[in-house]
Amino acid sequence: MPEELKRKEHSKKKEFTYIFETYYKRVYNYIYCQVSRHYTAEDFTSQIFGKIMVKIDIYSESKSLFKVWLFAITRNVVNDYFRSLKKNKLFSIDSIKEELKKGTGVLTTFFN
């Protein structure tokens, strides 16, 4: 690898390290406040920084501040999560057991 490419690669690593150290807690806290689940917040935070690594070259300072761009990505990941919950309409086992105990027939129509 030519020396110039090595310097560019090293510079990108330093830049990403700075971004990660500066914004990790803010991104994680924002997500955790939205989803109230530690592991989900960790997973999404990881996904977001992965997206930033891939998309950093398309970021344009002339369009917005970096943190605005970063939190737009963050907000979109959280919104996608909630949209997927609405589509899948997951039920907890406890709520299903409760409906069965009530004998309302709601689940009978759902499963038939």
PDB file of N, CA and C in Angstrom:
ATOM      1  N   MET A   1       0.846  -1.180   0.000  1.00  0.00           N
ATOM      2  CA  MET A   1       0.000   0.000   0.000  1.00  0.00           C
ATOM      3  C   MET A   1       0.889   1.239   0.000  1.00  0.00           C
ATOM      4  N   PRO A   2       0.651   2.173  -0.932  1.00  0.00           N
ATOM      5  CA  PRO A   2       1.454   3.395  -0.977  1.00  0.00           C
ATOM      6  C   PRO A   2       1.317   4.202   0.317  1.00  0.00           C
ATOM      7  N   GLU A   3       2.338   4.955   0.615  1.00  0.00           N
ATOM      8  CA  GLU A   3       2.386   5.743   1.859  1.00  0.00           C
ATOM      9  C   GLU A   3       1.215   6.720   1.977  1.00  0.00           C
ATOM     10  N   GLU A   4       0.831   7.346   0.885  1.00  0.00           N
ATOM     11  CA  GLU A   4      -0.273   8.308   0.921  1.00  0.00           C
ATOM     12  C   GLU A   4      -1.586   7.643   1.315  1.00  0.00           C
ATOM     13  N   LEU A   5      -1.839   6.441   0.791  1.00  0.00           N
ATOM     14  CA  LEU A   5      -3.050   5.709   1.161  1.00  0.00           C
ATOM     15  C   LEU A   5      -3.032   5.325   2.632  1.00  0.00           C
ATOM     16  N   LYS A   6      -1.864   4.941   3.133  1.00  0.00           N
ATOM     17  CA  LYS A   6      -1.739   4.606   4.557  1.00  0.00           C
ATOM     18  C   LYS A   6      -2.077   5.813   5.421  1.00  0.00           C
ATOM     19  N   ARG A   7      -1.593   6.991   5.038  1.00  0.00           N
ATOM     20  CA  ARG A   7      -1.885   8.203   5.813  1.00  0.00           C
ATOM     21  C   ARG A   7      -3.369   8.545   5.773  1.00  0.00           C
ATOM     22  N   LYS A   8      -3.994   8.391   4.617  1.00  0.00           N
ATOM     23  CA  LYS A   8      -5.434   8.666   4.502  1.00  0.00           C
ATOM     24  C   LYS A   8      -6.229   7.696   5.360  1.00  0.00           C
ATOM     25  N   GLU A   9      -5.854   6.431   5.318  1.00  0.00           N
ATOM     26  CA  GLU A   9      -6.543   5.417   6.111  1.00  0.00           C
ATOM     27  C   GLU A   9      -6.390   5.706   7.601  1.00  0.00           C
ATOM     28  N   HIS A  10      -5.182   6.076   7.991  1.00  0.00           N
ATOM     29  CA  HIS A  10      -4.928   6.411   9.394  1.00  0.00           C
ATOM     30  C   HIS A  10      -5.740   7.639   9.807  1.00  0.00           C
ATOM     31  N   SER A  11      -5.835   8.606   8.920  1.00  0.00           N
ATOM     32  CA  SER A  11      -6.603   9.815   9.192  1.00  0.00           C
ATOM     33  C   SER A  11      -8.089   9.491   9.359  1.00  0.00           C
ATOM     34  N   LYS A  12      -8.609   8.612   8.512  1.00  0.00           N
ATOM     35  CA  LYS A  12     -10.018   8.211   8.621  1.00  0.00           C
ATOM     36  C   LYS A  12     -10.291   7.501   9.937  1.00  0.00           C
ATOM     37  N   LYS A  13      -9.364   6.652  10.354  1.00  0.00           N
ATOM     38  CA  LYS A  13      -9.528   5.942  11.631  1.00  0.00           C
ATOM     39  C   LYS A  13      -9.554   6.926  12.792  1.00  0.00           C
ATOM     40  N   LYS A  14      -8.665   7.916  12.763  1.00  0.00           N
ATOM     41  CA  LYS A  14      -8.638   8.927  13.820  1.00  0.00           C
ATOM     42  C   LYS A  14      -9.932   9.736  13.831  1.00  0.00           C
ATOM     43  N   GLU A  15     -10.412  10.074  12.631  1.00  0.00           N
ATOM     44  CA  GLU A  15     -11.653  10.840  12.505  1.00  0.00           C
ATOM     45  C   GLU A  15     -12.829  10.048  13.071  1.00  0.00           C
ATOM     46  N   PHE A  16     -12.912   8.770  12.713  1.00  0.00           N
ATOM     47  CA  PHE A  16     -14.012   7.961  13.206  1.00  0.00           C
ATOM     48  C   PHE A  16     -13.906   7.754  14.721  1.00  0.00           C
ATOM     49  N   THR A  17     -12.699   7.563  15.215  1.00  0.00           N
ATOM     50  CA  THR A  17     -12.506   7.413  16.660  1.00  0.00           C
ATOM     51  C   THR A  17     -12.996   8.654  17.387  1.00  0.00           C
ATOM     52  N   TYR A  18     -12.675   9.821  16.857  1.00  0.00           N
ATOM     53  CA  TYR A  18     -13.139  11.071  17.451  1.00  0.00           C
ATOM     54  C   TYR A  18     -14.667  11.138  17.440  1.00  0.00           C
ATOM     55  N   ILE A  19     -15.273  10.812  16.318  1.00  0.00           N
ATOM     56  CA  ILE A  19     -16.737  10.836  16.193  1.00  0.00           C
ATOM     57  C   ILE A  19     -17.362   9.876  17.205  1.00  0.00           C
ATOM     58  N   PHE A  20     -16.841   8.677  17.276  1.00  0.00           N
ATOM     59  CA  PHE A  20     -17.378   7.668  18.173  1.00  0.00           C
ATOM     60  C   PHE A  20     -17.285   8.131  19.628  1.00  0.00           C
ATOM     61  N   GLU A  21     -16.119   8.590  20.028  1.00  0.00           N
ATOM     62  CA  GLU A  21     -15.918   9.025  21.418  1.00  0.00           C
ATOM     63  C   GLU A  21     -16.760  10.249  21.762  1.00  0.00           C
ATOM     64  N   THR A  22     -16.964  11.113  20.804  1.00  0.00           N
ATOM     65  CA  THR A  22     -17.729  12.341  21.045  1.00  0.00           C
ATOM     66  C   THR A  22     -19.229  12.091  21.133  1.00  0.00           C
ATOM     67  N   TYR A  23     -19.755  11.203  20.288  1.00  0.00           N
ATOM     68  CA  TYR A  23     -21.209  11.064  20.152  1.00  0.00           C
ATOM     69  C   TYR A  23     -21.810   9.769  20.681  1.00  0.00           C
ATOM     70  N   TYR A  24     -21.001   8.800  21.055  1.00  0.00           N
ATOM     71  CA  TYR A  24     -21.554   7.499  21.456  1.00  0.00           C
ATOM     72  C   TYR A  24     -22.584   7.633  22.578  1.00  0.00           C
ATOM     73  N   LYS A  25     -22.224   8.292  23.654  1.00  0.00           N
ATOM     74  CA  LYS A  25     -23.141   8.397  24.807  1.00  0.00           C
ATOM     75  C   LYS A  25     -24.425   9.119  24.441  1.00  0.00           C
ATOM     76  N   ARG A  26     -24.323  10.179  23.652  1.00  0.00           N
ATOM     77  CA  ARG A  26     -25.519  10.934  23.259  1.00  0.00           C
ATOM     78  C   ARG A  26     -26.452  10.082  22.405  1.00  0.00           C
ATOM     79  N   VAL A  27     -25.866   9.374  21.452  1.00  0.00           N
ATOM     80  CA  VAL A  27     -26.685   8.526  20.575  1.00  0.00           C
ATOM     81  C   VAL A  27     -27.329   7.406  21.386  1.00  0.00           C
ATOM     82  N   TYR A  28     -26.536   6.730  22.214  1.00  0.00           N
ATOM     83  CA  TYR A  28     -27.064   5.645  23.036  1.00  0.00           C
ATOM     84  C   TYR A  28     -28.186   6.152  23.947  1.00  0.00           C
ATOM     85  N   ASN A  29     -27.968   7.259  24.630  1.00  0.00           N
ATOM     86  CA  ASN A  29     -28.978   7.801  25.551  1.00  0.00           C
ATOM     87  C   ASN A  29     -30.260   8.174  24.828  1.00  0.00           C
ATOM     88  N   TYR A  30     -30.135   8.777  23.652  1.00  0.00           N
ATOM     89  CA  TYR A  30     -31.327   9.123  22.871  1.00  0.00           C
ATOM     90  C   TYR A  30     -32.123   7.863  22.539  1.00  0.00           C
ATOM     91  N   ILE A  31     -31.429   6.851  22.052  1.00  0.00           N
ATOM     92  CA  ILE A  31     -32.110   5.612  21.670  1.00  0.00           C
ATOM     93  C   ILE A  31     -32.722   4.945  22.895  1.00  0.00           C
ATOM     94  N   TYR A  32     -31.978   4.880  23.982  1.00  0.00           N
ATOM     95  CA  TYR A  32     -32.491   4.231  25.195  1.00  0.00           C
ATOM     96  C   TYR A  32     -33.753   4.935  25.702  1.00  0.00           C
ATOM     97  N   CYS A  33     -33.762   6.250  25.637  1.00  0.00           N
ATOM     98  CA  CYS A  33     -34.965   6.994  26.058  1.00  0.00           C
ATOM     99  C   CYS A  33     -36.160   6.662  25.173  1.00  0.00           C
ATOM    100  N   GLN A  34     -35.909   6.333  23.925  1.00  0.00           N
ATOM    101  CA  GLN A  34     -36.996   6.016  23.001  1.00  0.00           C
ATOM    102  C   GLN A  34     -37.492   4.582  23.151  1.00  0.00           C
ATOM    103  N   VAL A  35     -36.574   3.621  23.323  1.00  0.00           N
ATOM    104  CA  VAL A  35     -36.963   2.211  23.285  1.00  0.00           C
ATOM    105  C   VAL A  35     -37.001   1.550  24.668  1.00  0.00           C
ATOM    106  N   SER A  36     -36.367   2.149  25.665  1.00  0.00           N
ATOM    107  CA  SER A  36     -36.348   1.647  27.048  1.00  0.00           C
ATOM    108  C   SER A  36     -35.811   0.219  27.175  1.00  0.00           C
ATOM    109  N   ARG A  37     -34.912  -0.154  26.300  1.00  0.00           N
ATOM    110  CA  ARG A  37     -34.298  -1.486  26.358  1.00  0.00           C
ATOM    111  C   ARG A  37     -32.805  -1.335  26.120  1.00  0.00           C
ATOM    112  N   HIS A  38     -32.016  -1.799  27.085  1.00  0.00           N
ATOM    113  CA  HIS A  38     -30.564  -1.649  27.037  1.00  0.00           C
ATOM    114  C   HIS A  38     -29.964  -2.330  25.813  1.00  0.00           C
ATOM    115  N   TYR A  39     -30.300  -3.595  25.593  1.00  0.00           N
ATOM    116  CA  TYR A  39     -29.690  -4.335  24.486  1.00  0.00           C
ATOM    117  C   TYR A  39     -30.119  -3.792  23.127  1.00  0.00           C
ATOM    118  N   THR A  40     -31.360  -3.383  23.022  1.00  0.00           N
ATOM    119  CA  THR A  40     -31.836  -2.790  21.780  1.00  0.00           C
ATOM    120  C   THR A  40     -31.092  -1.489  21.504  1.00  0.00           C
ATOM    121  N   ALA A  41     -30.920  -0.679  22.535  1.00  0.00           N
ATOM    122  CA  ALA A  41     -30.196   0.585  22.380  1.00  0.00           C
ATOM    123  C   ALA A  41     -28.747   0.333  21.967  1.00  0.00           C
ATOM    124  N   GLU A  42     -28.119  -0.665  22.560  1.00  0.00           N
ATOM    125  CA  GLU A  42     -26.740  -1.002  22.172  1.00  0.00           C
ATOM    126  C   GLU A  42     -26.667  -1.458  20.718  1.00  0.00           C
ATOM    127  N   ASP A  43     -27.588  -2.323  20.325  1.00  0.00           N
ATOM    128  CA  ASP A  43     -27.605  -2.821  18.939  1.00  0.00           C
ATOM    129  C   ASP A  43     -27.796  -1.682  17.942  1.00  0.00           C
ATOM    130  N   PHE A  44     -28.749  -0.810  18.220  1.00  0.00           N
ATOM    131  CA  PHE A  44     -29.022   0.291  17.306  1.00  0.00           C
ATOM    132  C   PHE A  44     -27.858   1.272  17.247  1.00  0.00           C
ATOM    133  N   THR A  45     -27.241   1.530  18.389  1.00  0.00           N
ATOM    134  CA  THR A  45     -26.086   2.424  18.420  1.00  0.00           C
ATOM    135  C   THR A  45     -24.964   1.859  17.556  1.00  0.00           C
ATOM    136  N   SER A  46     -24.765   0.564  17.664  1.00  0.00           N
ATOM    137  CA  SER A  46     -23.754  -0.103  16.842  1.00  0.00           C
ATOM    138  C   SER A  46     -24.102   0.024  15.355  1.00  0.00           C
ATOM    139  N   GLN A  47     -25.361  -0.197  15.016  1.00  0.00           N
ATOM    140  CA  GLN A  47     -25.799  -0.077  13.617  1.00  0.00           C
ATOM    141  C   GLN A  47     -25.560   1.337  13.083  1.00  0.00           C
ATOM    142  N   ILE A  48     -25.861   2.316  13.906  1.00  0.00           N
ATOM    143  CA  ILE A  48     -25.742   3.708  13.487  1.00  0.00           C
ATOM    144  C   ILE A  48     -24.288   4.070  13.194  1.00  0.00           C
ATOM    145  N   PHE A  49     -23.382   3.667  14.078  1.00  0.00           N
ATOM    146  CA  PHE A  49     -21.982   3.986  13.828  1.00  0.00           C
ATOM    147  C   PHE A  49     -21.436   3.195  12.642  1.00  0.00           C
ATOM    148  N   GLY A  50     -21.984   2.028  12.389  1.00  0.00           N
ATOM    149  CA  GLY A  50     -21.633   1.295  11.179  1.00  0.00           C
ATOM    150  C   GLY A  50     -22.078   2.050   9.932  1.00  0.00           C
ATOM    151  N   LYS A  51     -23.294   2.592   9.976  1.00  0.00           N
ATOM    152  CA  LYS A  51     -23.797   3.376   8.841  1.00  0.00           C
ATOM    153  C   LYS A  51     -22.959   4.630   8.632  1.00  0.00           C
ATOM    154  N   ILE A  52     -22.547   5.253   9.723  1.00  0.00           N
ATOM    155  CA  ILE A  52     -21.734   6.461   9.611  1.00  0.00           C
ATOM    156  C   ILE A  52     -20.405   6.146   8.937  1.00  0.00           C
ATOM    157  N   MET A  53     -19.799   5.026   9.314  1.00  0.00           N
ATOM    158  CA  MET A  53     -18.535   4.638   8.684  1.00  0.00           C
ATOM    159  C   MET A  53     -18.695   4.497   7.175  1.00  0.00           C
ATOM    160  N   VAL A  54     -19.795   3.900   6.767  1.00  0.00           N
ATOM    161  CA  VAL A  54     -20.029   3.655   5.346  1.00  0.00           C
ATOM    162  C   VAL A  54     -20.399   4.950   4.615  1.00  0.00           C
ATOM    163  N   LYS A  55     -21.192   5.801   5.264  1.00  0.00           N
ATOM    164  CA  LYS A  55     -21.750   6.975   4.588  1.00  0.00           C
ATOM    165  C   LYS A  55     -20.993   8.280   4.845  1.00  0.00           C
ATOM    166  N   ILE A  56     -19.900   8.237   5.601  1.00  0.00           N
ATOM    167  CA  ILE A  56     -19.211   9.472   5.973  1.00  0.00           C
ATOM    168  C   ILE A  56     -18.770  10.268   4.742  1.00  0.00           C
ATOM    169  N   ASP A  57     -18.467   9.588   3.666  1.00  0.00           N
ATOM    170  CA  ASP A  57     -18.025  10.287   2.455  1.00  0.00           C
ATOM    171  C   ASP A  57     -19.131  11.084   1.773  1.00  0.00           C
ATOM    172  N   ILE A  58     -20.394  10.751   2.046  1.00  0.00           N
ATOM    173  CA  ILE A  58     -21.486  11.512   1.426  1.00  0.00           C
ATOM    174  C   ILE A  58     -21.958  12.670   2.305  1.00  0.00           C
ATOM    175  N   TYR A  59     -21.448  12.752   3.551  1.00  0.00           N
ATOM    176  CA  TYR A  59     -21.811  13.873   4.413  1.00  0.00           C
ATOM    177  C   TYR A  59     -21.275  15.169   3.816  1.00  0.00           C
ATOM    178  N   SER A  60     -22.106  16.198   3.836  1.00  0.00           N
ATOM    179  CA  SER A  60     -21.713  17.501   3.296  1.00  0.00           C
ATOM    180  C   SER A  60     -21.911  18.576   4.360  1.00  0.00           C
ATOM    181  N   GLU A  61     -20.819  19.231   4.724  1.00  0.00           N
ATOM    182  CA  GLU A  61     -20.896  20.307   5.720  1.00  0.00           C
ATOM    183  C   GLU A  61     -21.795  21.443   5.266  1.00  0.00           C
ATOM    184  N   SER A  62     -21.909  21.638   3.977  1.00  0.00           N
ATOM    185  CA  SER A  62     -22.712  22.742   3.461  1.00  0.00           C
ATOM    186  C   SER A  62     -24.216  22.499   3.641  1.00  0.00           C
ATOM    187  N   LYS A  63     -24.607  21.242   3.832  1.00  0.00           N
ATOM    188  CA  LYS A  63     -26.032  20.924   3.980  1.00  0.00           C
ATOM    189  C   LYS A  63     -26.506  20.978   5.426  1.00  0.00           C
ATOM    190  N   SER A  64     -25.678  20.515   6.358  1.00  0.00           N
ATOM    191  CA  SER A  64     -26.079  20.529   7.768  1.00  0.00           C
ATOM    192  C   SER A  64     -24.869  20.304   8.669  1.00  0.00           C
ATOM    193  N   LEU A  65     -25.059  20.597   9.930  1.00  0.00           N
ATOM    194  CA  LEU A  65     -24.028  20.277  10.914  1.00  0.00           C
ATOM    195  C   LEU A  65     -23.903  18.763  11.028  1.00  0.00           C
ATOM    196  N   PHE A  66     -22.729  18.299  11.408  1.00  0.00           N
ATOM    197  CA  PHE A  66     -22.508  16.868  11.497  1.00  0.00           C
ATOM    198  C   PHE A  66     -23.481  16.221  12.487  1.00  0.00           C
ATOM    199  N   LYS A  67     -23.660  16.845  13.662  1.00  0.00           N
ATOM    200  CA  LYS A  67     -24.533  16.217  14.665  1.00  0.00           C
ATOM    201  C   LYS A  67     -25.987  16.165  14.195  1.00  0.00           C
ATOM    202  N   VAL A  68     -26.402  17.109  13.359  1.00  0.00           N
ATOM    203  CA  VAL A  68     -27.755  17.064  12.795  1.00  0.00           C
ATOM    204  C   VAL A  68     -27.874  15.856  11.865  1.00  0.00           C
ATOM    205  N   TRP A  69     -26.869  15.654  11.029  1.00  0.00           N
ATOM    206  CA  TRP A  69     -26.832  14.510  10.117  1.00  0.00           C
ATOM    207  C   TRP A  69     -26.825  13.206  10.904  1.00  0.00           C
ATOM    208  N   LEU A  70     -25.987  13.125  11.926  1.00  0.00           N
ATOM    209  CA  LEU A  70     -25.883  11.929  12.769  1.00  0.00           C
ATOM    210  C   LEU A  70     -27.219  11.601  13.435  1.00  0.00           C
ATOM    211  N   PHE A  71     -27.871  12.605  14.007  1.00  0.00           N
ATOM    212  CA  PHE A  71     -29.132  12.336  14.693  1.00  0.00           C
ATOM    213  C   PHE A  71     -30.299  12.123  13.732  1.00  0.00           C
ATOM    214  N   ALA A  72     -30.179  12.566  12.500  1.00  0.00           N
ATOM    215  CA  ALA A  72     -31.187  12.209  11.488  1.00  0.00           C
ATOM    216  C   ALA A  72     -31.108  10.716  11.209  1.00  0.00           C
ATOM    217  N   ILE A  73     -29.898  10.204  11.097  1.00  0.00           N
ATOM    218  CA  ILE A  73     -29.710   8.760  10.917  1.00  0.00           C
ATOM    219  C   ILE A  73     -30.250   8.019  12.131  1.00  0.00           C
ATOM    220  N   THR A  74     -29.928   8.508  13.315  1.00  0.00           N
ATOM    221  CA  THR A  74     -30.377   7.881  14.562  1.00  0.00           C
ATOM    222  C   THR A  74     -31.896   7.850  14.638  1.00  0.00           C
ATOM    223  N   ARG A  75     -32.511   8.983  14.369  1.00  0.00           N
ATOM    224  CA  ARG A  75     -33.978   9.078  14.413  1.00  0.00           C
ATOM    225  C   ARG A  75     -34.615   8.113  13.414  1.00  0.00           C
ATOM    226  N   ASN A  76     -34.033   7.998  12.232  1.00  0.00           N
ATOM    227  CA  ASN A  76     -34.574   7.090  11.220  1.00  0.00           C
ATOM    228  C   ASN A  76     -34.487   5.630  11.656  1.00  0.00           C
ATOM    229  N   VAL A  77     -33.401   5.252  12.311  1.00  0.00           N
ATOM    230  CA  VAL A  77     -33.270   3.875  12.801  1.00  0.00           C
ATOM    231  C   VAL A  77     -34.335   3.590  13.859  1.00  0.00           C
ATOM    232  N   VAL A  78     -34.541   4.521  14.770  1.00  0.00           N
ATOM    233  CA  VAL A  78     -35.566   4.342  15.815  1.00  0.00           C
ATOM    234  C   VAL A  78     -36.962   4.297  15.189  1.00  0.00           C
ATOM    235  N   ASN A  79     -37.239   5.181  14.244  1.00  0.00           N
ATOM    236  CA  ASN A  79     -38.549   5.181  13.583  1.00  0.00           C
ATOM    237  C   ASN A  79     -38.796   3.873  12.835  1.00  0.00           C
ATOM    238  N   ASP A  80     -37.773   3.369  12.162  1.00  0.00           N
ATOM    239  CA  ASP A  80     -37.904   2.086  11.467  1.00  0.00           C
ATOM    240  C   ASP A  80     -38.235   0.966  12.445  1.00  0.00           C
ATOM    241  N   TYR A  81     -37.634   1.015  13.619  1.00  0.00           N
ATOM    242  CA  TYR A  81     -37.895   0.008  14.658  1.00  0.00           C
ATOM    243  C   TYR A  81     -39.368   0.029  15.067  1.00  0.00           C
ATOM    244  N   PHE A  82     -39.894   1.211  15.327  1.00  0.00           N
ATOM    245  CA  PHE A  82     -41.290   1.302  15.752  1.00  0.00           C
ATOM    246  C   PHE A  82     -42.251   0.942  14.614  1.00  0.00           C
ATOM    247  N   ARG A  83     -41.888   1.276  13.382  1.00  0.00           N
ATOM    248  CA  ARG A  83     -42.718   0.863  12.241  1.00  0.00           C
ATOM    249  C   ARG A  83     -42.763  -0.652  12.123  1.00  0.00           C
ATOM    250  N   SER A  84     -41.626  -1.298  12.342  1.00  0.00           N
ATOM    251  CA  SER A  84     -41.590  -2.761  12.243  1.00  0.00           C
ATOM    252  C   SER A  84     -42.433  -3.402  13.343  1.00  0.00           C
ATOM    253  N   LEU A  85     -42.475  -2.781  14.522  1.00  0.00           N
ATOM    254  CA  LEU A  85     -43.321  -3.317  15.598  1.00  0.00           C
ATOM    255  C   LEU A  85     -44.795  -3.234  15.220  1.00  0.00           C
ATOM    256  N   LYS A  86     -45.173  -2.136  14.586  1.00  0.00           N
ATOM    257  CA  LYS A  86     -46.567  -1.977  14.172  1.00  0.00           C
ATOM    258  C   LYS A  86     -46.951  -3.004  13.119  1.00  0.00           C
ATOM    259  N   LYS A  87     -46.027  -3.277  12.200  1.00  0.00           N
ATOM    260  CA  LYS A  87     -46.307  -4.242  11.136  1.00  0.00           C
ATOM    261  C   LYS A  87     -46.441  -5.652  11.686  1.00  0.00           C
ATOM    262  N   ASN A  88     -45.575  -6.002  12.605  1.00  0.00           N
ATOM    263  CA  ASN A  88     -45.552  -7.372  13.108  1.00  0.00           C
ATOM    264  C   ASN A  88     -46.548  -7.627  14.235  1.00  0.00           C
ATOM    265  N   LYS A  89     -46.969  -6.579  14.925  1.00  0.00           N
ATOM    266  CA  LYS A  89     -47.922  -6.690  16.028  1.00  0.00           C
ATOM    267  C   LYS A  89     -47.627  -7.909  16.905  1.00  0.00           C
ATOM    268  N   LEU A  90     -46.528  -7.817  17.604  1.00  0.00           N
ATOM    269  CA  LEU A  90     -46.117  -8.907  18.479  1.00  0.00           C
ATOM    270  C   LEU A  90     -46.975  -8.932  19.743  1.00  0.00           C
ATOM    271  N   PHE A  91     -47.266 -10.122  20.210  1.00  0.00           N
ATOM    272  CA  PHE A  91     -48.016 -10.302  21.435  1.00  0.00           C
ATOM    273  C   PHE A  91     -47.115 -10.996  22.446  1.00  0.00           C
ATOM    274  N   SER A  92     -47.219 -10.592  23.688  1.00  0.00           N
ATOM    275  CA  SER A  92     -46.452 -11.292  24.716  1.00  0.00           C
ATOM    276  C   SER A  92     -47.210 -12.557  25.113  1.00  0.00           C
ATOM    277  N   ILE A  93     -46.491 -13.524  25.584  1.00  0.00           N
ATOM    278  CA  ILE A  93     -47.098 -14.781  26.047  1.00  0.00           C
ATOM    279  C   ILE A  93     -48.076 -14.488  27.184  1.00  0.00           C
ATOM    280  N   ASP A  94     -47.701 -13.564  28.070  1.00  0.00           N
ATOM    281  CA  ASP A  94     -48.576 -13.231  29.203  1.00  0.00           C
ATOM    282  C   ASP A  94     -49.918 -12.664  28.737  1.00  0.00           C
ATOM    283  N   SER A  95     -49.890 -11.802  27.724  1.00  0.00           N
ATOM    284  CA  SER A  95     -51.159 -11.235  27.254  1.00  0.00           C
ATOM    285  C   SER A  95     -52.015 -12.315  26.595  1.00  0.00           C
ATOM    286  N   ILE A  96     -51.397 -13.260  25.909  1.00  0.00           N
ATOM    287  CA  ILE A  96     -52.151 -14.358  25.297  1.00  0.00           C
ATOM    288  C   ILE A  96     -52.759 -15.246  26.370  1.00  0.00           C
ATOM    289  N   LYS A  97     -51.988 -15.563  27.418  1.00  0.00           N
ATOM    290  CA  LYS A  97     -52.514 -16.376  28.519  1.00  0.00           C
ATOM    291  C   LYS A  97     -53.693 -15.683  29.191  1.00  0.00           C
ATOM    292  N   GLU A  98     -53.563 -14.373  29.370  1.00  0.00           N
ATOM    293  CA  GLU A  98     -54.626 -13.599  30.011  1.00  0.00           C
ATOM    294  C   GLU A  98     -55.910 -13.643  29.182  1.00  0.00           C
ATOM    295  N   GLU A  99     -55.780 -13.517  27.879  1.00  0.00           N
ATOM    296  CA  GLU A  99     -56.952 -13.583  27.000  1.00  0.00           C
ATOM    297  C   GLU A  99     -57.590 -14.969  27.041  1.00  0.00           C
ATOM    298  N   LEU A 100     -56.760 -16.000  27.101  1.00  0.00           N
ATOM    299  CA  LEU A 100     -57.287 -17.362  27.184  1.00  0.00           C
ATOM    300  C   LEU A 100     -58.053 -17.576  28.490  1.00  0.00           C
ATOM    301  N   LYS A 101     -57.547 -17.008  29.579  1.00  0.00           N
ATOM    302  CA  LYS A 101     -58.231 -17.118  30.874  1.00  0.00           C
ATOM    303  C   LYS A 101     -59.584 -16.415  30.846  1.00  0.00           C
ATOM    304  N   LYS A 102     -59.630 -15.271  30.163  1.00  0.00           N
ATOM    305  CA  LYS A 102     -60.875 -14.511  30.086  1.00  0.00           C
ATOM    306  C   LYS A 102     -61.925 -15.262  29.273  1.00  0.00           C
ATOM    307  N   GLY A 103     -61.470 -16.008  28.278  1.00  0.00           N
ATOM    308  CA  GLY A 103     -62.407 -16.749  27.439  1.00  0.00           C
ATOM    309  C   GLY A 103     -63.255 -15.849  26.572  1.00  0.00           C
ATOM    310  N   THR A 104     -62.696 -14.721  26.148  1.00  0.00           N
ATOM    311  CA  THR A 104     -63.473 -13.753  25.369  1.00  0.00           C
ATOM    312  C   THR A 104     -63.649 -14.153  23.915  1.00  0.00           C
ATOM    313  N   GLY A 105     -62.872 -15.087  23.446  1.00  0.00           N
ATOM    314  CA  GLY A 105     -62.973 -15.472  22.057  1.00  0.00           C
ATOM    315  C   GLY A 105     -62.161 -14.608  21.122  1.00  0.00           C
ATOM    316  N   VAL A 106     -61.486 -13.596  21.678  1.00  0.00           N
ATOM    317  CA  VAL A 106     -60.682 -12.711  20.850  1.00  0.00           C
ATOM    318  C   VAL A 106     -59.578 -13.492  20.151  1.00  0.00           C
ATOM    319  N   LEU A 107     -58.925 -14.366  20.887  1.00  0.00           N
ATOM    320  CA  LEU A 107     -57.838 -15.138  20.304  1.00  0.00           C
ATOM    321  C   LEU A 107     -58.349 -16.191  19.347  1.00  0.00           C
ATOM    322  N   THR A 108     -59.553 -16.691  19.592  1.00  0.00           N
ATOM    323  CA  THR A 108     -60.110 -17.694  18.680  1.00  0.00           C
ATOM    324  C   THR A 108     -60.261 -17.084  17.291  1.00  0.00           C
ATOM    325  N   THR A 109     -60.755 -15.885  17.214  1.00  0.00           N
ATOM    326  CA  THR A 109     -60.904 -15.255  15.905  1.00  0.00           C
ATOM    327  C   THR A 109     -59.555 -14.886  15.325  1.00  0.00           C
ATOM    328  N   PHE A 110     -58.598 -14.581  16.170  1.00  0.00           N
ATOM    329  CA  PHE A 110     -57.255 -14.234  15.694  1.00  0.00           C
ATOM    330  C   PHE A 110     -56.560 -15.430  15.078  1.00  0.00           C
ATOM    331  N   PHE A 111     -56.663 -16.590  15.728  1.00  0.00           N
ATOM    332  CA  PHE A 111     -55.948 -17.766  15.272  1.00  0.00           C
ATOM    333  C   PHE A 111     -56.678 -18.549  14.189  1.00  0.00           C
ATOM    334  N   ASN A 112     -57.935 -18.291  13.945  1.00  0.00           N
ATOM    335  CA  ASN A 112     -58.692 -19.007  12.928  1.00  0.00           C
ATOM    336  C   ASN A 112     -58.674 -18.318  11.613  1.00  0.00           C
TER     337      ASN A 112
END
